[in-house]
Amino acid sequence: MVAVIIPTLNEAELLPETLNCVRANHAAHEMLVVDGGSGDKTVQLAEAGGARVIHSPKRLRAFQMNLGARQARSDILLFLHADTWIGPYALRQIEHTLEQPGLVGGGFARRFKNASPVLRVTCRIGECRSRWFGWFFGDQGIFARRSAFEQAGGFQELPMFEDLDFCRRLSRLGSLTTLRPPIVSSARRFDARGSLLTTISDVWLTMRYLCGADPVKLASERREGGH
């Protein structure tokens, strides 16, 4: 069985579609929505959609995902953003993939809904990055064996790059794989500044993080910059 763990904060608009996509999978699964204190109808919609709601005392995605992992009953964990939609065979695909010895986890190739040409290019580059280095971002649907997740220490409670940090530690325990077909993620994050400027900012922040910059400082800069 696969535990689908979805951290949320005011995700009433897109969460129902995400849950519908998970329910369309015939593989045995459980859905855990870990809410950080939403002020909209996220919790009610999650319960109506068949998810078990866990109320998190912290509004921090890494903390919420770790909390969901602790309360899940499954041996396979899939961490899914509330605005990301998986295909009807994704969970079975994860199960079959993890039957391979030495494989501890991975993620999916990704495409954006209503993507601009810039975002289509970044998705192709991102898939190459994932295949070459085993580095996945959260909107790629990171999955792992529970045993490997616990051995790696779960997600560090960072304000950003908790996904990349986790994958780098997970890859020390075994192989990671990139699955296709791609999952689909909302492009809403790029609406305010446009896909090109947001992508340039993302690449700059990521490069600085990989060179040793403090994620807390980078997150502060990102907030101050309004992106």
Protein backbone atom coordinates (compact mmCIF):
# COMPACT_ATOMS: atom_id res chain seq x y z
CA MET A 1 0.00 0.00 0.00
CA VAL A 2 1.14 3.52 -0.79
CA ALA A 3 0.62 6.40 1.63
CA VAL A 4 -0.04 9.62 -0.28
CA ILE A 5 0.98 12.48 2.02
CA ILE A 6 -0.21 15.95 1.03
CA PRO A 7 0.86 19.02 3.07
CA THR A 8 -1.68 21.82 2.78
CA LEU A 9 -2.30 25.43 3.68
CA ASN A 10 -5.36 27.09 2.13
CA GLU A 11 -5.56 24.71 -0.83
CA ALA A 12 -9.35 24.54 -1.21
CA GLU A 13 -9.23 25.55 -4.87
CA LEU A 14 -7.02 22.77 -6.20
CA LEU A 15 -7.00 20.02 -3.56
CA PRO A 16 -10.23 18.29 -4.71
CA GLU A 17 -8.76 17.59 -8.16
CA THR A 18 -5.58 16.26 -6.56
CA LEU A 19 -7.58 13.85 -4.38
CA ASN A 20 -9.71 12.80 -7.35
CA CYS A 21 -6.57 11.86 -9.27
CA VAL A 22 -5.28 9.79 -6.34
CA ARG A 23 -8.62 8.00 -5.93
CA ALA A 24 -8.59 7.12 -9.64
CA ASN A 25 -5.71 4.75 -8.89
CA HIS A 26 -6.79 1.14 -8.31
CA ALA A 27 -3.73 0.31 -6.21
CA ALA A 28 -4.31 0.11 -2.46
CA HIS A 29 -3.52 3.46 -0.87
CA GLU A 30 -4.23 5.81 1.97
CA MET A 31 -4.49 9.59 1.65
CA LEU A 32 -3.22 11.82 4.44
CA VAL A 33 -3.74 15.56 4.24
CA VAL A 34 -1.50 17.31 6.78
CA ASP A 35 -2.94 20.76 7.23
CA GLY A 36 -0.99 23.70 8.60
CA GLY A 37 -4.00 25.69 9.83
CA SER A 38 -5.98 26.59 6.72
CA GLY A 39 -8.51 29.40 6.96
CA ASP A 40 -10.52 28.23 3.96
CA LYS A 41 -12.39 24.96 3.33
CA THR A 42 -9.30 22.82 2.79
CA VAL A 43 -9.98 20.55 5.77
CA GLN A 44 -13.65 20.02 4.94
CA LEU A 45 -12.85 19.26 1.30
CA ALA A 46 -10.08 16.88 2.29
CA GLU A 47 -12.43 14.92 4.53
CA ALA A 48 -15.14 14.91 1.87
CA GLY A 49 -12.55 13.63 -0.61
CA GLY A 50 -11.75 10.60 1.53
CA ALA A 51 -8.49 11.78 3.09
CA ARG A 52 -7.49 11.42 6.70
CA VAL A 53 -6.77 14.91 7.98
CA ILE A 54 -3.90 15.51 10.36
CA HIS A 55 -3.68 18.92 12.00
CA SER A 56 -0.09 20.13 12.14
CA PRO A 57 1.05 22.45 14.94
CA LYS A 58 3.54 24.02 12.50
CA ARG A 59 3.11 25.74 9.16
CA LEU A 60 6.21 24.22 7.61
CA ARG A 61 6.01 21.80 4.71
CA ALA A 62 8.93 19.65 5.86
CA PHE A 63 7.44 19.30 9.34
CA GLN A 64 4.02 18.50 7.88
CA MET A 65 5.42 15.78 5.61
CA ASN A 66 7.38 14.18 8.44
CA LEU A 67 4.24 14.23 10.59
CA GLY A 68 2.28 12.52 7.84
CA ALA A 69 4.97 9.88 7.41
CA ARG A 70 4.90 9.08 11.12
CA GLN A 71 1.15 8.56 11.08
CA ALA A 72 0.96 6.65 7.80
CA ARG A 73 0.44 2.89 7.91
CA SER A 74 2.06 2.06 4.58
CA ASP A 75 5.54 0.84 3.70
CA ILE A 76 5.76 3.17 0.68
CA LEU A 77 5.49 6.95 1.03
CA LEU A 78 4.56 9.39 -1.74
CA PHE A 79 4.85 13.11 -0.95
CA LEU A 80 2.53 15.07 -3.19
CA HIS A 81 1.89 18.80 -3.48
CA ALA A 82 -1.75 19.85 -3.27
CA ASP A 83 -1.58 21.36 -6.76
CA THR A 84 -0.02 18.34 -8.46
CA TRP A 85 -1.96 15.61 -10.22
CA ILE A 86 -0.87 12.01 -10.74
CA GLY A 87 -2.06 9.61 -13.40
CA PRO A 88 -4.37 6.61 -12.81
CA TYR A 89 -1.52 4.09 -12.80
CA ALA A 90 1.06 6.10 -10.86
CA LEU A 91 0.71 4.27 -7.55
CA ARG A 92 0.93 0.83 -9.16
CA GLN A 93 3.95 2.05 -11.08
CA ILE A 94 5.64 3.09 -7.83
CA GLU A 95 4.91 -0.30 -6.26
CA HIS A 96 6.30 -2.24 -9.21
CA THR A 97 9.36 0.00 -9.44
CA LEU A 98 10.26 -0.51 -5.78
CA GLU A 99 10.25 -4.27 -6.27
CA GLN A 100 13.72 -3.77 -7.75
CA PRO A 101 16.42 -4.52 -5.16
CA GLY A 102 18.68 -1.59 -4.37
CA LEU A 103 16.11 0.98 -5.42
CA VAL A 104 15.05 3.18 -2.49
CA GLY A 105 12.86 5.82 -4.11
CA GLY A 106 12.57 8.46 -6.79
CA GLY A 107 10.10 10.81 -8.39
CA PHE A 108 8.31 11.56 -11.63
CA ALA A 109 9.09 13.57 -14.68
CA ARG A 110 6.93 16.67 -14.53
CA ARG A 111 5.05 19.01 -16.81
CA PHE A 112 3.13 22.15 -15.97
CA LYS A 113 -0.52 22.71 -16.79
CA ASN A 114 -0.91 25.44 -19.44
CA ALA A 115 2.86 25.75 -19.58
CA SER A 116 4.73 28.46 -21.44
CA PRO A 117 7.60 27.50 -23.77
CA VAL A 118 10.03 28.46 -20.98
CA LEU A 119 8.42 26.02 -18.56
CA ARG A 120 8.36 23.24 -21.14
CA VAL A 121 12.11 23.65 -21.56
CA THR A 122 12.71 23.71 -17.80
CA CYS A 123 10.76 20.46 -17.43
CA ARG A 124 12.99 18.74 -19.98
CA ILE A 125 16.09 20.05 -18.21
CA GLY A 126 14.62 19.01 -14.86
CA GLU A 127 14.06 15.47 -16.06
CA CYS A 128 17.70 15.24 -17.14
CA ARG A 129 18.76 16.54 -13.71
CA SER A 130 16.64 13.92 -11.98
CA ARG A 131 17.93 11.07 -14.12
CA TRP A 132 21.58 12.08 -13.84
CA PHE A 133 21.78 13.11 -10.20
CA GLY A 134 18.66 11.73 -8.50
CA TRP A 135 17.62 15.24 -7.47
CA PHE A 136 13.88 15.86 -7.34
CA PHE A 137 11.80 18.85 -6.32
CA GLY A 138 8.58 18.48 -4.38
CA ASP A 139 6.27 19.00 -7.35
CA GLN A 140 7.75 15.88 -8.94
CA GLY A 141 6.04 13.55 -6.47
CA ILE A 142 8.95 12.25 -4.40
CA PHE A 143 8.47 8.69 -3.17
CA ALA A 144 10.52 6.37 -0.96
CA ARG A 145 10.42 3.13 0.94
CA ARG A 146 9.48 3.88 4.52
CA SER A 147 12.60 2.09 5.76
CA ALA A 148 14.83 4.28 3.58
CA PHE A 149 12.93 7.42 4.54
CA GLU A 150 13.49 6.70 8.22
CA GLN A 151 17.11 5.70 7.71
CA ALA A 152 17.75 8.96 5.85
CA GLY A 153 16.22 10.90 8.74
CA GLY A 154 13.20 12.24 6.85
CA PHE A 155 13.00 15.86 5.77
CA GLN A 156 15.09 18.45 7.52
CA GLU A 157 12.89 21.27 8.79
CA LEU A 158 14.08 23.83 6.26
CA PRO A 159 11.97 26.66 4.84
CA MET A 160 13.01 25.69 1.31
CA PHE A 161 15.09 23.04 -0.49
CA GLU A 162 13.92 20.39 2.01
CA ASP A 163 13.08 18.25 -1.03
CA LEU A 164 16.49 18.51 -2.68
CA ASP A 165 18.25 18.01 0.66
CA PHE A 166 16.24 14.86 1.33
CA CYS A 167 16.94 13.38 -2.11
CA ARG A 168 20.67 13.95 -1.76
CA ARG A 169 20.67 12.05 1.54
CA LEU A 170 18.33 9.35 0.24
CA SER A 171 20.59 8.70 -2.76
CA ARG A 172 23.37 7.61 -0.40
CA LEU A 173 21.25 4.61 0.60
CA GLY A 174 20.55 3.25 -2.88
CA SER A 175 19.39 4.10 -6.38
CA LEU A 176 16.69 6.62 -7.27
CA THR A 177 14.61 6.46 -10.43
CA THR A 178 12.64 8.88 -12.59
CA LEU A 179 9.23 7.63 -13.72
CA ARG A 180 7.17 8.51 -16.77
CA PRO A 181 4.57 9.50 -17.90
CA PRO A 182 4.98 12.89 -16.23
CA ILE A 183 2.74 14.12 -13.47
CA VAL A 184 1.09 17.50 -13.94
CA SER A 185 1.65 20.48 -11.67
CA SER A 186 -0.05 23.86 -11.53
CA ALA A 187 1.91 26.76 -12.99
CA ARG A 188 0.29 29.25 -10.58
CA ARG A 189 3.60 29.99 -8.84
CA PHE A 190 4.83 31.62 -12.03
CA ASP A 191 1.83 33.91 -12.52
CA ALA A 192 3.00 36.93 -10.51
CA ARG A 193 6.43 37.52 -12.09
CA GLY A 194 6.16 35.42 -15.24
CA SER A 195 7.80 32.11 -16.06
CA LEU A 196 11.12 33.52 -17.26
CA LEU A 197 11.89 35.78 -14.29
CA THR A 198 10.69 33.19 -11.77
CA THR A 199 12.79 30.49 -13.40
CA ILE A 200 15.91 32.67 -13.40
CA SER A 201 15.35 33.41 -9.71
CA ASP A 202 14.83 29.71 -8.95
CA VAL A 203 18.03 28.72 -10.73
CA TRP A 204 20.02 31.44 -8.93
CA LEU A 205 18.71 30.38 -5.51
CA THR A 206 19.34 26.71 -6.25
CA MET A 207 22.91 27.34 -7.35
CA ARG A 208 23.59 29.31 -4.18
CA TYR A 209 22.06 26.55 -2.05
CA LEU A 210 24.23 23.91 -3.74
CA CYS A 211 27.25 26.11 -3.10
CA GLY A 212 26.49 26.12 0.63
CA ALA A 213 24.22 29.12 1.22
CA ASP A 214 21.90 28.91 4.23
CA PRO A 215 18.35 27.89 3.14
CA VAL A 216 16.88 30.06 5.91
CA LYS A 217 18.61 33.14 4.50
CA LEU A 218 17.62 32.21 0.95
CA ALA A 219 13.98 31.82 2.00
CA SER A 220 14.08 35.24 3.65
CA GLU A 221 15.45 36.79 0.49
CA ARG A 222 12.77 35.07 -1.55
CA ARG A 223 10.01 36.46 0.67
CA GLU A 224 11.46 39.97 0.61
CA GLY A 225 11.72 39.81 -3.14
CA GLY A 226 8.08 38.84 -3.40
CA HIS A 227 8.67 35.60 -5.29
